[in-house]
Protein backbone atom coordinates (compact mmCIF):
# COMPACT_ATOMS: atom_id res chain seq x y z
CA MET A 1 96.25 -49.67 7.61
CA GLU A 2 93.96 -48.10 5.03
CA LYS A 3 96.88 -46.44 3.18
CA LYS A 4 98.85 -49.70 3.19
CA SER A 5 95.83 -51.60 1.84
CA ASN A 6 95.37 -49.08 -0.96
CA LEU A 7 99.06 -49.35 -1.85
CA VAL A 8 98.75 -53.15 -2.11
CA MET A 9 95.71 -52.77 -4.36
CA VAL A 10 97.64 -50.35 -6.64
CA ARG A 11 100.51 -52.82 -6.90
CA GLN A 12 98.10 -55.66 -7.72
CA ASP A 13 96.41 -53.59 -10.42
CA PHE A 14 99.80 -52.70 -11.85
CA MET A 15 100.79 -56.36 -12.02
CA ARG A 16 97.52 -57.19 -13.77
CA VAL A 17 98.25 -54.58 -16.43
CA LEU A 18 101.74 -55.99 -16.96
CA ILE A 19 100.39 -59.52 -17.39
CA CYS A 20 97.75 -58.30 -19.81
CA LEU A 21 100.41 -56.56 -21.88
CA PHE A 22 102.42 -59.80 -21.86
CA PHE A 23 99.49 -61.76 -23.30
CA LEU A 24 98.88 -59.02 -25.87
CA LEU A 25 102.44 -59.31 -27.12
CA LEU A 26 102.23 -63.11 -27.26
CA ALA A 27 98.93 -63.56 -29.04
CA SER A 28 97.33 -60.19 -29.65
CA GLY A 29 94.56 -61.45 -27.39
CA ALA A 30 93.29 -58.04 -26.21
CA ALA A 31 89.76 -59.13 -25.41
CA ARG A 32 90.92 -62.22 -23.55
CA CYS A 33 93.47 -60.24 -21.55
CA LEU A 34 90.78 -57.90 -20.33
CA ASN A 35 88.70 -60.89 -19.24
CA LEU A 36 91.70 -62.40 -17.47
CA ALA A 37 92.04 -59.24 -15.40
CA HIS A 38 88.33 -59.18 -14.63
CA HIS A 39 88.30 -62.82 -13.43
CA TRP A 40 91.74 -62.74 -11.84
CA ALA A 41 90.79 -65.09 -8.97
CA GLU A 42 90.47 -68.15 -11.24
CA ALA A 43 94.03 -69.51 -11.40
CA ALA A 44 93.22 -72.65 -13.45
CA GLY A 45 91.04 -70.81 -15.95
CA ILE A 46 88.22 -68.33 -16.18
CA ILE A 47 84.67 -69.01 -15.02
CA TYR A 48 82.12 -67.56 -17.40
CA TYR A 49 78.33 -67.47 -17.08
CA VAL A 50 75.46 -67.86 -19.54
CA ASP A 51 71.92 -66.73 -18.71
CA VAL A 52 68.76 -66.59 -20.83
CA ASN A 53 68.51 -62.89 -19.90
CA GLY A 54 72.18 -62.16 -20.54
CA ASN A 55 73.90 -60.29 -23.35
CA ASP A 56 76.60 -61.64 -25.62
CA ALA A 57 78.16 -58.16 -25.68
CA SER A 58 78.85 -58.46 -21.94
CA ASP A 59 82.03 -59.85 -20.44
CA GLY A 60 80.52 -63.17 -19.32
CA SER A 61 81.05 -62.57 -15.63
CA GLN A 62 78.53 -63.61 -13.00
CA ALA A 63 77.24 -60.03 -12.83
CA ALA A 64 77.15 -59.61 -16.62
CA PRO A 65 76.55 -63.05 -18.18
CA TRP A 66 76.43 -63.92 -21.83
CA LYS A 67 73.12 -64.87 -23.41
CA THR A 68 73.93 -67.82 -25.66
CA ILE A 69 75.85 -71.04 -25.25
CA ASN A 70 77.15 -70.59 -28.78
CA HIS A 71 78.89 -67.37 -27.81
CA ALA A 72 80.46 -69.11 -24.84
CA VAL A 73 81.64 -72.01 -27.01
CA ASN A 74 83.43 -69.59 -29.32
CA SER A 75 85.07 -67.69 -26.45
CA VAL A 76 86.69 -70.27 -24.19
CA VAL A 77 90.08 -71.97 -24.12
CA ALA A 78 91.68 -74.78 -22.11
CA GLY A 79 90.97 -74.56 -18.39
CA ASP A 80 87.87 -72.39 -18.69
CA THR A 81 84.48 -73.24 -17.22
CA VAL A 82 81.10 -72.08 -18.48
CA LEU A 83 78.32 -72.15 -15.89
CA ILE A 84 74.92 -72.16 -17.58
CA ASN A 85 72.21 -70.69 -15.37
CA PRO A 86 68.77 -72.31 -14.92
CA GLY A 87 66.19 -71.63 -17.59
CA THR A 88 65.29 -72.92 -21.04
CA HIS A 89 68.02 -72.14 -23.56
CA LEU A 90 66.36 -72.35 -26.98
CA VAL A 91 68.76 -73.45 -29.71
CA SER A 92 68.04 -72.84 -33.38
CA GLN A 93 71.68 -72.72 -34.53
CA GLN A 94 74.10 -75.62 -34.13
CA ILE A 95 76.34 -75.58 -31.07
CA SER A 96 79.65 -77.07 -32.19
CA ILE A 97 82.50 -77.19 -29.67
CA THR A 98 85.76 -77.09 -31.65
CA SER A 99 88.30 -75.76 -29.13
CA SER A 100 90.22 -78.33 -27.08
CA GLY A 101 91.11 -78.51 -23.45
CA THR A 102 93.94 -80.61 -22.05
CA ALA A 103 94.00 -83.58 -19.69
CA SER A 104 94.85 -81.31 -16.76
CA ASN A 105 92.81 -78.31 -17.94
CA PRO A 106 89.62 -79.39 -19.72
CA ILE A 107 86.98 -77.00 -20.97
CA THR A 108 83.82 -77.46 -18.92
CA PHE A 109 80.21 -76.61 -19.74
CA LYS A 110 78.11 -77.15 -16.64
CA GLY A 111 74.54 -76.53 -15.59
CA ASN A 112 74.65 -74.07 -12.69
CA GLY A 113 72.06 -75.80 -10.52
CA THR A 114 68.84 -77.59 -11.39
CA GLY A 115 66.53 -76.77 -14.30
CA VAL A 116 69.16 -75.98 -16.95
CA VAL A 117 67.42 -76.95 -20.19
CA VAL A 118 69.05 -76.97 -23.62
CA ASP A 119 66.15 -77.25 -26.05
CA LEU A 120 67.27 -78.41 -29.51
CA ARG A 121 63.77 -79.04 -30.82
CA GLY A 122 63.86 -75.80 -32.80
CA TYR A 123 67.04 -76.88 -34.61
CA ASP A 124 66.47 -78.53 -37.99
CA GLY A 125 69.68 -80.60 -38.14
CA ARG A 126 70.85 -83.89 -36.63
CA ASN A 127 73.55 -82.65 -34.28
CA GLY A 128 72.45 -79.55 -32.42
CA LEU A 129 74.98 -79.98 -29.59
CA GLU A 130 78.27 -81.58 -30.55
CA ILE A 131 81.95 -81.87 -29.69
CA TYR A 132 83.70 -81.83 -33.05
CA PHE A 133 87.40 -82.66 -33.51
CA SER A 134 88.22 -81.34 -30.05
CA ASP A 135 89.55 -83.07 -26.94
CA TYR A 136 89.09 -82.91 -23.16
CA ILE A 137 85.66 -81.33 -23.00
CA VAL A 138 83.27 -81.82 -20.08
CA ILE A 139 79.48 -81.44 -20.47
CA ASP A 140 77.76 -81.74 -17.11
CA ASN A 141 74.32 -81.38 -15.50
CA LEU A 142 72.22 -80.34 -18.50
CA THR A 143 68.73 -81.40 -19.53
CA VAL A 144 68.79 -81.77 -23.32
CA TYR A 145 65.77 -82.15 -25.57
CA ALA A 146 67.03 -83.50 -28.89
CA SER A 147 65.93 -82.30 -32.29
CA SER A 148 63.06 -84.33 -33.69
CA VAL A 149 64.49 -84.56 -37.23
CA SER A 150 65.42 -87.94 -38.69
CA GLY A 151 68.69 -89.31 -37.34
CA SER A 152 69.07 -86.70 -34.58
CA ARG A 153 71.38 -86.99 -31.58
CA GLY A 154 71.08 -85.26 -28.24
CA ILE A 155 74.82 -84.84 -27.53
CA ARG A 156 77.24 -85.99 -30.21
CA LEU A 157 81.02 -86.44 -30.07
CA THR A 158 83.24 -87.20 -33.04
CA HIS A 159 87.05 -87.34 -33.15
CA ALA A 160 87.02 -86.22 -29.52
CA GLU A 161 89.47 -87.75 -27.05
CA GLY A 162 89.24 -87.70 -23.27
CA CYS A 163 85.80 -86.08 -23.05
CA VAL A 164 83.42 -86.54 -20.09
CA ILE A 165 79.64 -86.46 -20.46
CA SER A 166 78.19 -86.56 -16.94
CA ASN A 167 74.99 -86.05 -14.96
CA ASN A 168 72.91 -85.06 -17.99
CA THR A 169 69.30 -85.94 -18.81
CA VAL A 170 68.84 -86.40 -22.55
CA SER A 171 65.71 -87.49 -24.39
CA GLY A 172 63.87 -87.58 -27.68
CA ALA A 173 66.66 -88.31 -30.18
CA ASP A 174 65.57 -90.09 -33.34
CA HIS A 175 68.95 -91.87 -33.52
CA ALA A 176 70.84 -91.73 -30.20
CA ASN A 177 70.47 -89.57 -27.14
CA LEU A 178 74.22 -89.76 -26.44
CA PHE A 179 76.57 -90.62 -29.29
CA CYS A 180 80.32 -90.82 -29.89
CA SER A 181 82.32 -91.96 -32.90
CA LEU A 182 86.05 -92.29 -33.58
CA SER A 183 86.67 -90.96 -30.07
CA ASP A 184 88.94 -92.66 -27.54
CA TYR A 185 88.83 -92.46 -23.74
CA VAL A 186 85.31 -91.00 -23.64
CA THR A 187 83.41 -91.26 -20.34
CA PHE A 188 79.62 -91.36 -20.04
CA ILE A 189 78.81 -91.25 -16.33
CA ASN A 190 75.58 -90.84 -14.35
CA ASN A 191 73.48 -89.74 -17.32
CA GLU A 192 69.81 -90.44 -17.92
CA ALA A 193 68.84 -91.20 -21.52
CA PHE A 194 65.31 -92.16 -22.51
CA ASN A 195 62.56 -91.84 -25.12
CA GLY A 196 64.99 -91.93 -28.02
CA ALA A 197 65.85 -94.73 -30.39
CA ILE A 198 69.11 -95.57 -28.55
CA GLY A 199 70.17 -94.45 -25.07
CA ILE A 200 73.97 -94.38 -25.51
CA TYR A 201 75.71 -95.27 -28.78
CA VAL A 202 79.49 -95.85 -28.77
CA ALA A 203 80.44 -96.15 -32.43
CA ASP A 204 83.20 -96.44 -34.96
CA SER A 205 86.38 -97.77 -33.36
CA SER A 206 86.07 -95.70 -30.17
CA ASP A 207 88.50 -97.45 -27.81
CA TYR A 208 88.74 -97.26 -24.00
CA PRO A 209 85.21 -95.93 -23.40
CA THR A 210 83.80 -95.84 -19.87
CA VAL A 211 80.02 -96.18 -19.46
CA LYS A 212 79.19 -96.02 -15.77
CA GLY A 213 76.19 -95.33 -13.57
CA ASN A 214 73.83 -94.38 -16.41
CA ARG A 215 70.07 -94.98 -16.60
CA LEU A 216 69.04 -96.01 -20.10
CA TYR A 217 65.37 -96.81 -20.41
CA ASP A 218 62.20 -96.58 -22.50
CA ASN A 219 64.10 -96.16 -25.75
CA THR A 220 62.41 -97.62 -28.80
CA ALA A 221 65.39 -99.79 -29.74
CA ILE A 222 68.54 -100.24 -27.63
CA GLY A 223 69.74 -99.12 -24.22
CA LEU A 224 73.50 -99.27 -24.90
CA HIS A 225 74.74 -99.92 -28.44
CA MET A 226 78.45 -100.42 -29.19
CA ASN A 227 79.41 -100.90 -32.84
CA GLY A 228 82.96 -100.98 -34.23
CA ASP A 229 81.69 -100.38 -37.81
CA ILE A 230 84.59 -101.08 -40.18
CA ASN A 231 82.94 -98.92 -42.86
CA SER A 232 83.42 -95.70 -40.87
CA GLY A 233 87.21 -95.70 -40.64
CA GLY A 234 89.47 -96.97 -37.92
CA ASP A 235 90.07 -100.64 -37.22
CA GLY A 236 86.39 -101.53 -36.95
CA THR A 237 86.61 -102.65 -33.31
CA ILE A 238 85.83 -101.13 -29.93
CA SER A 239 88.32 -102.39 -27.36
CA TYR A 240 89.02 -102.02 -23.64
CA ALA A 241 85.60 -100.69 -22.65
CA MET A 242 84.47 -100.57 -19.03
CA VAL A 243 80.68 -100.81 -18.68
CA ASP A 244 79.90 -100.67 -14.98
CA GLY A 245 76.90 -100.11 -12.75
CA ASN A 246 74.30 -99.08 -15.32
CA TRP A 247 70.50 -99.45 -15.04
CA ILE A 248 69.30 -100.53 -18.52
CA TYR A 249 65.63 -101.40 -18.73
CA ASN A 250 62.36 -101.44 -20.68
CA ASN A 251 63.95 -100.71 -24.04
CA GLY A 252 62.17 -101.80 -27.20
CA ALA A 253 64.83 -104.22 -28.43
CA THR A 254 68.13 -105.00 -26.66
CA GLY A 255 69.59 -103.92 -23.35
CA ILE A 256 73.29 -104.02 -24.35
CA ASN A 257 74.14 -104.60 -28.03
CA LEU A 258 77.80 -105.43 -28.86
CA ASP A 259 79.09 -105.56 -32.45
CA GLY A 260 82.85 -105.83 -32.88
CA VAL A 261 83.57 -105.23 -29.18
CA THR A 262 86.71 -106.91 -27.78
CA TRP A 263 88.73 -107.12 -24.56
CA SER A 264 86.09 -105.28 -22.58
CA THR A 265 84.49 -105.66 -19.15
CA PHE A 266 80.78 -105.62 -18.28
CA GLN A 267 80.12 -105.61 -14.55
CA ASN A 268 77.46 -104.64 -12.00
CA ASN A 269 74.85 -103.83 -14.63
CA LEU A 270 71.12 -104.27 -14.01
CA VAL A 271 69.47 -105.24 -17.30
CA TYR A 272 65.75 -106.03 -17.24
CA GLY A 273 62.51 -105.71 -19.18
CA ASN A 274 64.21 -105.26 -22.58
CA LYS A 275 61.87 -106.68 -25.18
CA TYR A 276 64.22 -108.75 -27.36
CA ARG A 277 67.58 -109.44 -25.69
CA GLY A 278 69.52 -108.85 -22.50
CA ILE A 279 73.12 -108.66 -23.77
CA ALA A 280 74.01 -109.54 -27.37
CA PHE A 281 77.57 -110.39 -28.49
CA PHE A 282 77.83 -110.67 -32.29
CA GLN A 283 79.37 -109.43 -35.52
CA GLY A 284 77.45 -107.23 -37.94
CA ASP A 285 79.25 -104.10 -39.10
CA GLY A 286 82.24 -104.66 -36.83
CA ALA A 287 85.54 -105.93 -38.19
CA VAL A 288 85.45 -108.97 -35.89
CA PRO A 289 82.92 -110.73 -33.68
CA SER A 290 82.59 -109.56 -30.08
CA ASN A 291 85.24 -111.83 -28.58
CA ASP A 292 87.47 -111.95 -25.49
CA ASN A 293 85.14 -110.04 -23.19
CA GLU A 294 84.32 -110.68 -19.54
CA ALA A 295 80.86 -110.22 -18.01
CA TYR A 296 80.47 -110.66 -14.29
CA GLN A 297 78.27 -109.57 -11.38
CA ASN A 298 75.44 -108.55 -13.75
CA THR A 299 71.74 -109.05 -13.08
CA ILE A 300 69.91 -109.86 -16.32
CA ILE A 301 66.16 -110.48 -16.32
CA THR A 302 64.59 -111.20 -19.70
CA PRO A 303 60.79 -111.14 -20.14
CA ALA A 304 58.65 -113.79 -21.77
CA GLY A 305 58.54 -113.43 -25.54
CA ALA A 306 62.14 -112.18 -25.78
CA TYR A 307 64.90 -114.04 -27.64
CA TYR A 308 67.47 -114.73 -24.90
CA GLY A 309 69.32 -113.42 -21.87
CA ILE A 310 72.82 -113.54 -23.39
CA GLY A 311 73.43 -114.04 -27.10
CA LEU A 312 76.65 -115.34 -28.71
CA ASN A 313 76.01 -114.98 -32.39
CA TYR A 314 77.80 -114.89 -35.74
CA GLY A 315 81.14 -116.09 -34.43
CA ALA A 316 81.16 -114.44 -30.98
CA ASN A 317 83.43 -116.59 -28.82
CA ARG A 318 86.02 -116.62 -26.03
CA ASN A 319 83.75 -114.58 -23.76
CA SER A 320 83.55 -115.30 -20.02
CA PHE A 321 80.54 -115.16 -17.70
CA TRP A 322 80.96 -115.29 -13.92
CA ASN A 323 78.81 -114.45 -10.91
CA ASN A 324 75.87 -113.29 -13.02
CA ILE A 325 72.15 -113.70 -12.43
CA ILE A 326 70.63 -114.66 -15.78
CA LEU A 327 66.96 -115.38 -15.20
CA THR A 328 64.26 -115.47 -17.84
CA GLU A 329 60.49 -115.68 -17.99
CA GLY A 330 58.55 -118.16 -20.06
CA SER A 331 60.68 -120.46 -22.22
CA VAL A 332 63.38 -117.88 -22.98
CA PRO A 333 66.89 -119.43 -22.72
CA SER A 334 69.63 -117.80 -20.64
CA PHE A 335 72.21 -118.42 -23.39
CA SER A 336 71.70 -118.56 -27.15
CA SER A 337 74.26 -119.04 -29.91
CA THR A 338 74.23 -119.42 -33.67
CA SER A 339 77.31 -121.63 -33.30
CA SER A 340 77.13 -125.37 -32.76
CA THR A 341 78.26 -126.90 -29.48
CA SER A 342 81.50 -128.01 -31.14
CA GLU A 343 82.21 -124.44 -32.30
CA LEU A 344 81.18 -122.69 -29.08
CA ALA A 345 84.14 -121.57 -26.98
CA ILE A 346 83.08 -119.65 -23.88
CA THR A 347 83.65 -119.83 -20.14
CA SER A 348 80.59 -119.75 -17.91
CA ASN A 349 80.36 -120.65 -14.23
CA TYR A 350 79.07 -119.54 -10.82
CA ASN A 351 75.92 -118.04 -12.31
CA LEU A 352 72.29 -118.16 -11.16
CA LEU A 353 70.18 -119.75 -13.90
CA PRO A 354 66.48 -120.70 -14.24
CA ASP A 355 65.43 -123.77 -12.28
CA GLN A 356 63.45 -125.25 -15.16
CA GLY A 357 63.34 -125.33 -18.95
CA GLN A 358 66.22 -124.97 -21.37
CA VAL A 359 69.06 -122.78 -20.11
CA ALA A 360 70.87 -122.75 -23.48
CA GLU A 361 70.30 -123.24 -27.17
CA THR A 362 72.78 -123.58 -30.03
CA SER A 363 72.48 -124.29 -33.73
CA ASN A 364 72.26 -128.01 -32.94
CA GLY A 365 69.64 -127.94 -30.22
CA GLY A 366 68.53 -126.80 -26.81
CA PHE A 367 69.86 -127.92 -23.42
CA VAL A 368 68.49 -128.20 -19.93
CA LEU A 369 70.96 -127.43 -17.16
CA SER A 370 72.26 -130.99 -16.70
CA GLU A 371 72.95 -131.28 -20.45
CA TRP A 372 74.59 -127.87 -20.49
CA GLN A 373 76.79 -128.90 -17.56
CA SER A 374 77.77 -132.10 -19.34
CA LEU A 375 79.35 -129.86 -21.97
CA GLY A 376 81.53 -128.29 -19.27
CA TYR A 377 79.55 -125.12 -18.64
CA ASP A 378 78.15 -123.79 -15.34
CA THR A 379 79.21 -126.79 -13.28
CA GLN A 380 79.19 -124.70 -10.05
CA SER A 381 76.21 -122.58 -11.01
CA VAL A 382 72.95 -122.64 -9.04
CA THR A 383 69.30 -122.34 -9.99
CA GLY A 384 66.36 -120.33 -8.74
CA THR A 385 63.29 -118.37 -9.72
CA ILE A 386 62.71 -114.63 -9.95
CA SER A 387 60.39 -114.67 -6.94
CA GLN A 388 62.91 -116.65 -4.85
CA THR A 389 65.75 -114.30 -5.70
CA PHE A 390 64.59 -110.67 -5.49
CA GLN A 391 62.92 -108.44 -2.94
CA ASN A 392 60.17 -106.98 -5.14
CA PRO A 393 60.56 -107.78 -8.85
CA SER A 394 57.02 -106.62 -9.67
CA GLY A 395 58.10 -103.20 -8.38
CA ASP A 396 61.39 -103.38 -10.31
CA ASN A 397 63.38 -103.87 -7.13
CA TYR A 398 66.01 -106.50 -7.96
CA GLN A 399 67.96 -106.34 -4.74
CA LEU A 400 68.45 -109.76 -3.20
CA LYS A 401 65.98 -110.95 -0.61
CA ALA A 402 66.83 -112.91 2.51
CA GLY A 403 67.39 -116.55 1.57
CA SER A 404 68.08 -115.78 -2.09
CA PRO A 405 70.04 -118.59 -3.81
CA ALA A 406 72.44 -115.91 -5.12
CA ILE A 407 73.74 -114.99 -1.64
CA ASP A 408 77.35 -116.10 -1.00
CA ALA A 409 77.16 -118.30 -4.11
CA GLY A 410 79.73 -116.50 -6.29
CA THR A 411 83.47 -116.90 -6.67
CA PRO A 412 85.96 -114.23 -5.53
CA ASP A 413 88.23 -115.04 -8.46
CA HIS A 414 85.96 -113.13 -10.85
CA SER A 415 84.34 -110.45 -8.76
CA CYS A 416 84.49 -106.70 -8.21
CA THR A 417 83.76 -104.20 -5.48
CA PRO A 418 81.73 -102.13 -4.85
CA ASP A 419 78.36 -103.30 -6.15
CA ILE A 420 75.89 -101.20 -8.13
CA LEU A 421 74.84 -99.33 -4.97
CA GLY A 422 78.34 -98.75 -3.68
CA ASN A 423 78.22 -101.55 -1.11
CA THR A 424 81.46 -103.39 -0.41
CA ARG A 425 81.62 -106.90 -1.79
CA PRO A 426 81.69 -109.51 -0.33
CA ALA A 427 79.48 -108.88 2.68
CA GLY A 428 79.40 -112.57 3.61
CA THR A 429 81.63 -115.59 3.11
CA ALA A 430 81.74 -115.14 -0.67
CA PRO A 431 80.49 -112.57 -3.19
CA ASP A 432 76.84 -112.75 -4.10
CA MET A 433 75.81 -113.30 -7.68
CA GLY A 434 74.40 -110.36 -9.61
CA ALA A 435 74.75 -106.59 -9.41
CA TYR A 436 73.61 -106.26 -5.78
CA GLU A 437 75.46 -107.53 -2.73
CA TYR A 438 72.98 -108.61 -0.09
CA THR A 439 73.11 -106.84 3.24
CA SER A 440 70.86 -107.36 6.21
CA GLU A 441 71.26 -103.65 6.95
CA THR A 442 68.09 -101.67 6.35
CA ILE A 443 68.69 -98.56 4.27
CA ILE A 444 66.27 -95.64 3.83
CA TYR A 445 66.86 -93.29 0.89
CA ILE A 446 66.13 -89.56 0.84
CA SER A 447 66.01 -87.47 -2.34
CA PRO A 448 64.70 -83.88 -2.61
CA ASP A 449 62.31 -84.83 -5.42
CA GLY A 450 61.28 -88.14 -3.86
CA ASP A 451 62.84 -90.05 -6.77
CA CYS A 452 65.53 -92.48 -5.61
CA GLY A 453 65.52 -94.60 -8.75
CA ASN A 454 65.28 -98.27 -7.87
CA HIS A 455 66.08 -97.64 -4.21
CA THR A 456 63.35 -98.20 -1.66
CA PRO A 457 62.05 -97.08 0.79
CA CYS A 458 62.40 -93.56 -0.64
CA TYR A 459 61.22 -90.24 0.81
CA SER A 460 61.64 -86.57 0.00
CA ARG A 461 62.29 -85.44 3.59
CA ILE A 462 64.83 -86.61 6.14
CA GLN A 463 62.19 -86.40 8.85
CA GLU A 464 60.19 -89.08 7.07
CA GLY A 465 63.21 -91.32 7.45
CA PHE A 466 63.32 -90.54 11.16
CA ASP A 467 59.62 -91.44 11.43
CA TRP A 468 59.85 -94.67 9.41
CA GLU A 469 57.98 -97.47 11.15
CA GLY A 470 59.85 -100.40 9.71
CA GLY A 471 62.45 -100.80 12.45
CA THR A 472 64.47 -99.26 15.24
CA ALA A 473 68.03 -99.57 13.84
CA TYR A 474 68.81 -98.60 10.27
CA THR A 475 70.78 -96.36 7.92
CA ILE A 476 69.55 -93.27 6.10
CA ARG A 477 71.32 -92.20 2.89
CA VAL A 478 70.61 -88.59 1.90
CA GLU A 479 71.18 -87.17 -1.58
CA GLN A 480 73.42 -84.13 -1.63
CA GLY A 481 71.72 -80.73 -1.33
CA SER A 482 69.87 -78.63 1.22
CA TYR A 483 66.77 -79.80 3.07
CA ASN A 484 64.61 -77.01 4.41
CA GLU A 485 63.50 -78.82 7.54
CA GLU A 486 64.18 -79.01 11.25
CA LEU A 487 64.84 -82.58 12.35
CA VAL A 488 63.55 -84.19 15.51
CA LEU A 489 64.24 -87.75 16.67
CA ASN A 490 61.75 -88.47 19.41
CA SER A 491 61.67 -92.27 19.54
CA ASP A 492 64.12 -94.84 20.79
CA ARG A 493 66.02 -95.88 17.69
CA ARG A 494 69.60 -96.06 16.39
CA ILE A 495 70.17 -94.31 13.06
CA ASP A 496 73.32 -93.96 10.96
CA LEU A 497 72.80 -90.89 8.78
CA TYR A 498 74.98 -90.45 5.70
CA GLY A 499 74.61 -87.27 3.60
CA GLY A 500 76.16 -86.18 0.32
CA TRP A 501 75.16 -89.04 -1.99
CA ASP A 502 74.82 -88.51 -5.74
CA LYS A 503 71.55 -89.08 -7.58
CA THR A 504 72.23 -92.80 -8.06
CA PHE A 505 73.33 -93.30 -4.43
CA THR A 506 76.58 -94.90 -5.61
CA THR A 507 79.04 -92.12 -4.70
CA GLN A 508 79.28 -90.05 -1.54
CA SER A 509 81.36 -87.03 -2.52
CA ALA A 510 79.54 -83.94 -1.22
CA THR A 511 77.39 -82.87 1.73
CA SER A 512 73.75 -82.48 2.67
CA GLY A 513 72.36 -79.79 4.93
CA ALA A 514 69.42 -79.25 7.27
CA LYS A 515 68.34 -76.41 9.56
CA SER A 516 68.68 -78.05 12.96
CA LEU A 517 68.66 -81.37 14.78
CA GLN A 518 67.07 -82.32 18.09
CA ILE A 519 67.56 -85.78 19.62
CA LEU A 520 64.89 -86.24 22.27
CA ASP A 521 65.28 -90.00 22.37
CA GLY A 522 67.48 -92.58 20.66
CA SER A 523 70.84 -91.86 19.02
CA ILE A 524 72.21 -90.73 15.67
CA SER A 525 75.63 -90.98 14.06
CA PHE A 526 76.03 -88.82 10.99
CA TRP A 527 78.59 -88.12 8.26
CA ASN A 528 78.63 -85.53 5.46
CA LEU A 529 75.68 -83.73 7.03
CA VAL A 530 75.80 -80.01 7.83
CA ILE A 531 73.45 -78.85 10.61
CA GLN A 532 72.88 -75.10 10.47
């Protein structure tokens, strides 16, 4: 058996040499051919590694990683993956990704675990990490500190089609933490962008963007800004966007700002605490006003002193609003338009609006709900207060409470499933209004760092969920990863335990693990949980 095994190995090595020679003849790619032989197991592309203690003269393997991301950027082709090891990667020279992947074989740059920091603060330009005239690039699971120079961006894309920016934490940009221009089919998913001027900026005729599951907060200006900008080339519009399931809050100006955005969908977004506006539809630099959009199943809470919940300004028309919660504090109107009532052309119905004060204002006056309804708007809408509607608004928990006027009050004709937490909609006789579908099921959330976002109750250990004193039958959702604990259920309770959730608890695509499980009393059903 040993001789036969050795013979097979010789034949395999011989075939590797032949394939290398083939690539040499095709493209004189000697260095790449040697790497192909070294990483033979990767059929779809080569996996390279970058480590702060690596060496760019190495071959980039796991055992001999490169040192700099820049070297990796200049070495990869379609189908390759670069795993960047934990540590702080100081960047003083621009990282510009100019090689393209394909739709089936993208080029991926991915943080290899937690604590992968790309520090651009030592770079003296605006765009320290960019995708430049290249397509089908994935940037995943990085923590990026943007350069502090005027107009800086954390991650920038320009003329870049089909790129995916996912699971990154980006902060400190003077202009925009995440930015794309003249780039179609770009996806921003499950990113966290804060302490910049703008969280995510989709600019300059970038059509078919997807903005999903992001947390955009504490930026000095805007959470999500979308601007067609006719002066930058292209047709000056952004069309066919899907903006779904984002948490956009406590920004210094507007939650979602839409200039020249058309034929797009805004659903399941939680927008609260933004100082000036909730969602603004208008025309500034765009070629046309933000027309022909649909906004449904959003929860929009606008604080006292702000301008409005939803704005329809400078010609913005033909937009539709269904199944939203649009509540305001103080005397802030839910709707505001610079058009007159005779010029206004929108569809709005089955929304939850304030129970007192003016719900709308136009250029020719303000309107309480009955006056607004006499104009044909919101005839099946309901009213309520913030305290009547949400579980714990003072704690930023905008899930619906029992008895909320939003429960079962929506229309299925303009709804979507799942909700912002991944719950199936409807749970009752009709869809609920807003981003959250109400469920009487009690859910406990577990995250290794004890940070479950807006989800409560939240703990860092599964055992704490077992020991929860709030009830005897409930569900525990566990973020993906390993939990170094031995679990014991020693009380009479019924628990459904679901592992493998992502950081936002909206997608269950992986597994969670624990050392052992003892059930001394009660019962447990579990999925996506590995017991070692």
